[in-house]
Protein backbone atom coordinates (compact mmCIF):
# COMPACT_ATOMS: atom_id res chain seq x y z
CA MET A 1 -1.80 88.16 -28.33
CA ALA A 2 1.78 87.36 -29.19
CA LYS A 3 3.63 85.51 -26.16
CA ALA A 4 7.38 84.66 -25.63
CA TYR A 5 9.36 83.50 -22.66
CA VAL A 6 12.99 85.16 -22.63
CA MET A 7 15.29 83.35 -20.63
CA MET A 8 18.60 85.59 -19.55
CA CYS A 9 21.88 85.19 -17.31
CA CYS A 10 23.05 88.36 -15.12
CA ASP A 11 25.36 89.41 -13.22
CA VAL A 12 25.75 87.27 -10.00
CA GLY A 13 23.80 88.45 -7.13
CA SER A 14 21.68 90.89 -9.30
CA GLU A 15 19.02 88.82 -10.23
CA SER A 16 16.27 90.63 -7.69
CA GLU A 17 17.32 93.78 -8.98
CA VAL A 18 16.76 93.04 -12.02
CA ILE A 19 13.87 91.03 -11.81
CA SER A 20 12.67 94.27 -10.20
CA SER A 21 13.65 96.34 -13.37
CA LEU A 22 11.54 93.92 -15.53
CA LYS A 23 8.85 93.66 -13.78
CA LYS A 24 8.31 97.89 -14.31
CA ILE A 25 9.02 96.81 -18.58
CA LYS A 26 5.48 97.24 -20.31
CA GLY A 27 4.57 93.50 -21.92
CA ILE A 28 6.15 91.98 -19.68
CA ARG A 29 3.91 89.74 -17.56
CA ASP A 30 5.75 87.40 -15.13
CA ALA A 31 9.72 87.57 -14.25
CA HIS A 32 11.49 84.73 -11.71
CA GLY A 33 14.79 84.16 -10.85
CA THR A 34 15.54 80.51 -11.81
CA LEU A 35 18.04 77.40 -10.42
CA GLY A 36 19.37 76.42 -13.64
CA LEU A 37 21.49 77.01 -16.79
CA TYR A 38 19.31 80.25 -16.86
CA ASP A 39 18.90 82.92 -14.16
CA ILE A 40 15.66 84.61 -14.52
CA VAL A 41 12.98 83.62 -17.10
CA ALA A 42 10.75 86.58 -18.04
CA GLN A 43 7.13 86.15 -19.69
CA ILE A 44 6.48 88.67 -22.44
CA GLU A 45 2.90 89.40 -23.78
CA SER A 46 2.29 92.15 -26.36
CA PRO A 47 -0.34 92.87 -29.03
CA SER A 48 2.15 91.66 -31.70
CA GLU A 49 5.41 89.83 -32.39
CA GLU A 50 7.21 93.15 -33.34
CA GLU A 51 6.39 94.95 -29.93
CA ILE A 52 7.95 91.93 -28.33
CA GLN A 53 11.34 91.87 -30.67
CA LYS A 54 11.16 95.44 -29.95
CA THR A 55 11.16 94.94 -26.30
CA VAL A 56 13.66 92.27 -25.95
CA THR A 57 16.14 93.66 -28.21
CA GLY A 58 15.47 97.35 -27.10
CA VAL A 59 15.04 97.18 -23.44
CA ILE A 60 15.78 93.75 -21.83
CA ARG A 61 19.11 93.06 -23.76
CA LYS A 62 20.52 96.60 -22.93
CA MET A 63 20.08 96.50 -19.50
CA PRO A 64 24.06 97.00 -18.72
CA LYS A 65 23.76 93.91 -15.67
CA ILE A 66 22.16 90.98 -18.25
CA HIS A 67 24.76 89.36 -19.71
CA THR A 68 22.89 87.00 -22.10
CA THR A 69 19.17 85.83 -23.54
CA MET A 70 17.38 83.43 -24.94
CA THR A 71 14.14 84.04 -26.60
CA LEU A 72 11.57 81.84 -27.39
CA THR A 73 8.13 82.57 -29.23
CA ARG A 74 4.90 80.78 -28.82
CA SER A 75 3.65 79.57 -32.16
CA GLU A 76 -0.09 79.94 -32.13
CA SER A 77 -0.87 76.48 -29.30
CA GLY A 78 -4.67 76.89 -28.81
CA GLU A 79 -5.93 77.17 -25.87
CA LEU A 80 -5.45 74.08 -24.09
CA PHE A 81 -4.69 76.52 -20.45
CA GLU A 82 -7.03 79.11 -21.05
CA ALA A 83 -8.16 80.56 -17.60
CA SER A 84 -9.95 78.20 -15.10
CA GLU A 85 -9.42 76.33 -11.79
CA LYS A 86 -6.00 75.52 -13.06
CA PHE A 87 -5.27 79.07 -11.72
CA ILE A 88 -6.96 78.88 -8.43
CA GLY A 89 -4.27 77.24 -6.65
CA SER A 90 -2.02 79.82 -7.86
CA MET A 91 -4.42 83.08 -7.16
CA LEU A 92 -5.10 82.28 -3.85
CA GLY A 93 -1.15 82.13 -3.16
CA GLN A 94 -1.23 78.32 -2.05
CA ASN A 95 1.24 76.66 -4.66
CA SER A 96 4.74 77.96 -3.20
CA ALA A 97 6.89 75.55 -5.57
CA LYS A 98 7.23 76.45 -8.89
CA ALA A 99 9.49 75.91 -12.29
CA TYR A 100 9.82 76.17 -15.43
CA VAL A 101 10.52 73.11 -17.74
CA VAL A 102 11.80 73.30 -21.71
CA MET A 103 11.49 70.40 -23.42
CA TYR A 104 13.00 69.14 -26.62
CA CYS A 105 10.37 66.80 -28.20
CA GLU A 106 10.11 64.12 -30.80
CA LYS A 107 9.95 65.99 -34.46
CA GLY A 108 5.98 67.04 -34.72
CA GLN A 109 5.27 66.02 -32.22
CA GLU A 110 5.05 69.42 -30.15
CA TYR A 111 1.13 69.35 -30.20
CA SER A 112 0.58 66.45 -28.73
CA THR A 113 3.14 66.81 -25.95
CA LEU A 114 0.94 69.96 -25.22
CA LYS A 115 -2.43 68.44 -25.08
CA ASN A 116 -0.79 65.30 -22.65
CA LEU A 117 0.53 68.62 -20.32
CA SER A 118 -3.02 69.95 -20.20
CA HIS A 119 -3.90 66.89 -18.42
CA ILE A 120 -1.37 67.09 -15.46
CA PRO A 121 -2.61 69.43 -12.96
CA GLU A 122 -0.18 71.16 -11.68
CA VAL A 123 1.22 72.28 -15.56
CA LYS A 124 -0.46 75.78 -14.81
CA GLU A 125 0.43 77.01 -18.35
CA ALA A 126 2.51 75.36 -21.58
CA ASP A 127 3.58 76.78 -24.67
CA VAL A 128 5.12 75.23 -28.45
CA VAL A 129 7.61 77.89 -28.60
CA PHE A 130 10.17 78.41 -31.65
CA GLY A 131 13.67 78.60 -30.53
CA TYR A 132 16.24 76.14 -28.78
CA TYR A 133 13.08 74.15 -27.57
CA ASP A 134 10.02 73.13 -28.73
CA VAL A 135 7.78 73.43 -25.77
CA ILE A 136 7.54 75.20 -22.81
CA CYS A 137 5.45 74.94 -19.52
CA LYS A 138 5.35 76.83 -16.04
CA VAL A 139 5.02 74.37 -12.88
CA GLU A 140 3.13 74.77 -9.60
CA THR A 141 2.69 73.14 -6.19
CA GLN A 142 2.10 73.06 -3.09
CA ASP A 143 5.63 72.05 -2.01
CA GLU A 144 9.37 71.03 -3.46
CA LYS A 145 8.86 67.34 -3.20
CA THR A 146 5.66 67.52 -4.99
CA LEU A 147 7.15 69.66 -7.69
CA ASP A 148 10.05 67.12 -8.06
CA HIS A 149 7.19 64.29 -8.43
CA VAL A 150 4.95 65.97 -10.56
CA ILE A 151 8.25 67.01 -13.14
CA THR A 152 9.67 63.46 -12.77
CA LYS A 153 7.60 61.06 -13.04
CA ALA A 154 4.44 63.16 -15.01
CA ILE A 155 6.77 65.40 -17.04
CA ARG A 156 9.40 63.83 -17.90
CA THR A 157 7.94 60.28 -18.74
CA LEU A 158 5.48 62.13 -21.38
CA PRO A 159 5.59 60.11 -24.36
CA ASN A 160 7.44 62.44 -27.53
CA ILE A 161 9.78 64.44 -24.83
CA ARG A 162 13.19 63.64 -25.78
CA THR A 163 15.07 65.69 -23.42
CA SER A 164 14.20 68.36 -21.14
CA MET A 165 15.76 70.65 -18.94
CA THR A 166 14.02 72.50 -15.44
CA LEU A 167 14.59 75.79 -14.51
CA ASN A 168 13.25 75.98 -10.20
CA VAL A 169 12.33 79.12 -9.21
CA ILE A 170 14.35 80.11 -6.34
CA GLN A 171 11.37 80.93 -3.74
CA GLU A 172 14.10 83.26 -1.65
CA GLN A 173 14.20 85.87 -4.55
CA GLU A 174 10.44 86.10 -4.28
CA LYS A 175 9.70 86.31 -0.91
CA HIS A 176 12.49 89.52 -1.12
CA LEU A 177 10.87 91.38 -4.04
CA VAL A 178 7.07 90.79 -2.04
CA ASN A 179 9.23 92.47 0.66
CA ASP A 180 10.49 95.15 -0.93
CA THR A 181 7.26 95.95 -3.17
CA ALA A 182 5.39 96.00 0.68
CA LYS A 183 8.13 98.29 2.12
CA THR A 184 7.50 101.00 -1.12
CA THR A 185 3.86 100.83 -0.97
């Protein structure tokens, strides 16, 4: 299964509408509004990289409210983050603080960084990617204070990480999308 992460900038104030539209696109597994350099992060899974390319170029980039995109295509990262107890808190809705962290690593150290990330319980998934960054991970915790601690004291202090950028998921948009979904069902 091919996988990619698409980071997007969109019209100010249109984030919830864009996220709602993204979640209706075939292959979009996850989409969140974020604080940071990008407004939205979406995760795509598809049977082939060609299908991902078609989705990004033929659908996402043509959405009128999206201005720029950056696509990070997953490398074959191994299965360090298979479904396990790491996902239990996430499935039960206990993790209210979320973020994506993208990292530049020392040359050739991407897979060792991935392995190190797999030992941090709050890192729910991570991939070595091709693109502007080397590794991306999704972090989920019970609260913002714990999230800050995990990112600054556990992730950013790992060996071989040169720089990182954190995209905090905007909880207000998450609540707004849940409420909109409840109204339509």
